[in-house]
């Protein structure tokens, strides 16, 4: 399952976005899905993202906005 940064804008500033948050928001269908965040779009405020995989571009954009990224393997 892939998600783009522009889809993460539905979460407010300072959110911790993990599989449960993505499921609750309807962005993934089940917790067992492997999730990768891709860099399409921009984010202007800090969020914390905890996913299976993330592209270099997405990670750079999230960190440039003051956020953090943790890859959960």
C-alpha atoms as a PDB file:
ATOM      1  CA  UNK A   1       0.000   0.000   0.000  1.00  0.00           C
ATOM      2  CA  UNK A   2       1.392   3.410  -0.924  1.00  0.00           C
ATOM      3  CA  UNK A   3       0.403   6.776   0.467  1.00  0.00           C
ATOM      4  CA  UNK A   4       1.587  10.183  -0.696  1.00  0.00           C
ATOM      5  CA  UNK A   5       2.539  13.104   1.508  1.00  0.00           C
ATOM      6  CA  UNK A   6      -0.406  15.115   0.218  1.00  0.00           C
ATOM      7  CA  UNK A   7      -2.740  12.499   1.798  1.00  0.00           C
ATOM      8  CA  UNK A   8      -1.126  13.111   5.199  1.00  0.00           C
ATOM      9  CA  UNK A   9      -2.371  16.713   5.219  1.00  0.00           C
ATOM     10  CA  UNK A  10      -5.672  15.490   6.694  1.00  0.00           C
ATOM     11  CA  UNK A  11      -3.809  15.032  10.002  1.00  0.00           C
ATOM     12  CA  UNK A  12      -3.268  18.134  12.168  1.00  0.00           C
ATOM     13  CA  UNK A  13       0.105  19.591  13.052  1.00  0.00           C
ATOM     14  CA  UNK A  14       2.022  17.516  15.594  1.00  0.00           C
ATOM     15  CA  UNK A  15       0.179  14.280  14.820  1.00  0.00           C
ATOM     16  CA  UNK A  16       1.824  10.905  15.239  1.00  0.00           C
ATOM     17  CA  UNK A  17       0.839   8.967  12.133  1.00  0.00           C
ATOM     18  CA  UNK A  18       1.152   5.200  12.367  1.00  0.00           C
ATOM     19  CA  UNK A  19      -0.757   2.249  10.925  1.00  0.00           C
ATOM     20  CA  UNK A  20      -3.625   2.669  13.395  1.00  0.00           C
ATOM     21  CA  UNK A  21      -4.020   6.375  12.547  1.00  0.00           C
ATOM     22  CA  UNK A  22      -3.959   5.574   8.826  1.00  0.00           C
ATOM     23  CA  UNK A  23      -6.591   2.859   9.309  1.00  0.00           C
ATOM     24  CA  UNK A  24      -8.823   5.202  11.339  1.00  0.00           C
ATOM     25  CA  UNK A  25      -8.516   7.837   8.605  1.00  0.00           C
ATOM     26  CA  UNK A  26      -9.499   5.318   5.921  1.00  0.00           C
ATOM     27  CA  UNK A  27      -6.159   5.501   4.121  1.00  0.00           C
ATOM     28  CA  UNK A  28      -5.404   1.790   4.600  1.00  0.00           C
ATOM     29  CA  UNK A  29      -7.779  -1.162   4.690  1.00  0.00           C
ATOM     30  CA  UNK A  30      -6.080  -3.315   7.304  1.00  0.00           C
ATOM     31  CA  UNK A  31      -3.235  -3.030   9.798  1.00  0.00           C
ATOM     32  CA  UNK A  32      -1.345  -5.979   8.270  1.00  0.00           C
ATOM     33  CA  UNK A  33      -0.699  -4.103   5.021  1.00  0.00           C
ATOM     34  CA  UNK A  34       2.859  -2.938   4.410  1.00  0.00           C
ATOM     35  CA  UNK A  35       2.807   0.851   4.066  1.00  0.00           C
ATOM     36  CA  UNK A  36       5.178   3.055   2.079  1.00  0.00           C
ATOM     37  CA  UNK A  37       4.993   6.849   2.012  1.00  0.00           C
ATOM     38  CA  UNK A  38       5.949   8.496  -1.283  1.00  0.00           C
ATOM     39  CA  UNK A  39       6.949  12.110  -1.866  1.00  0.00           C
ATOM     40  CA  UNK A  40       4.095  13.448  -4.044  1.00  0.00           C
ATOM     41  CA  UNK A  41       2.923  16.701  -2.505  1.00  0.00           C
ATOM     42  CA  UNK A  42       4.282  18.883   0.262  1.00  0.00           C
ATOM     43  CA  UNK A  43       3.733  19.319   3.972  1.00  0.00           C
ATOM     44  CA  UNK A  44       4.311  22.650   5.718  1.00  0.00           C
ATOM     45  CA  UNK A  45       4.034  21.633   9.370  1.00  0.00           C
ATOM     46  CA  UNK A  46       5.643  18.982  11.594  1.00  0.00           C
ATOM     47  CA  UNK A  47       4.218  15.482  11.863  1.00  0.00           C
ATOM     48  CA  UNK A  48       5.715  12.220  13.103  1.00  0.00           C
ATOM     49  CA  UNK A  49       5.410   9.309  10.707  1.00  0.00           C
ATOM     50  CA  UNK A  50       5.912   5.653  11.708  1.00  0.00           C
ATOM     51  CA  UNK A  51       5.557   3.382   8.676  1.00  0.00           C
ATOM     52  CA  UNK A  52       7.182   0.325   7.093  1.00  0.00           C
ATOM     53  CA  UNK A  53       8.983   2.228   4.315  1.00  0.00           C
ATOM     54  CA  UNK A  54       9.413   5.784   3.105  1.00  0.00           C
ATOM     55  CA  UNK A  55      10.993   7.265   0.012  1.00  0.00           C
ATOM     56  CA  UNK A  56      14.003   9.536   0.419  1.00  0.00           C
ATOM     57  CA  UNK A  57      12.019  12.453  -1.034  1.00  0.00           C
ATOM     58  CA  UNK A  58       9.140  11.996   1.389  1.00  0.00           C
ATOM     59  CA  UNK A  59      11.492  11.701   4.356  1.00  0.00           C
ATOM     60  CA  UNK A  60      13.346  14.857   3.330  1.00  0.00           C
ATOM     61  CA  UNK A  61      10.090  16.840   2.977  1.00  0.00           C
ATOM     62  CA  UNK A  62       8.731  15.698   6.355  1.00  0.00           C
ATOM     63  CA  UNK A  63      12.005  16.457   8.134  1.00  0.00           C
ATOM     64  CA  UNK A  64      12.334  19.845   6.376  1.00  0.00           C
ATOM     65  CA  UNK A  65       8.936  20.775   7.862  1.00  0.00           C
ATOM     66  CA  UNK A  66      10.249  19.927  11.346  1.00  0.00           C
ATOM     67  CA  UNK A  67       8.721  16.448  11.495  1.00  0.00           C
ATOM     68  CA  UNK A  68      10.257  13.045  12.115  1.00  0.00           C
ATOM     69  CA  UNK A  69      10.224   9.654  10.441  1.00  0.00           C
ATOM     70  CA  UNK A  70      10.627   6.178  11.936  1.00  0.00           C
ATOM     71  CA  UNK A  71      10.675   3.116   9.706  1.00  0.00           C
ATOM     72  CA  UNK A  72       9.073   0.215  11.557  1.00  0.00           C
ATOM     73  CA  UNK A  73      10.425  -3.061  10.254  1.00  0.00           C
END
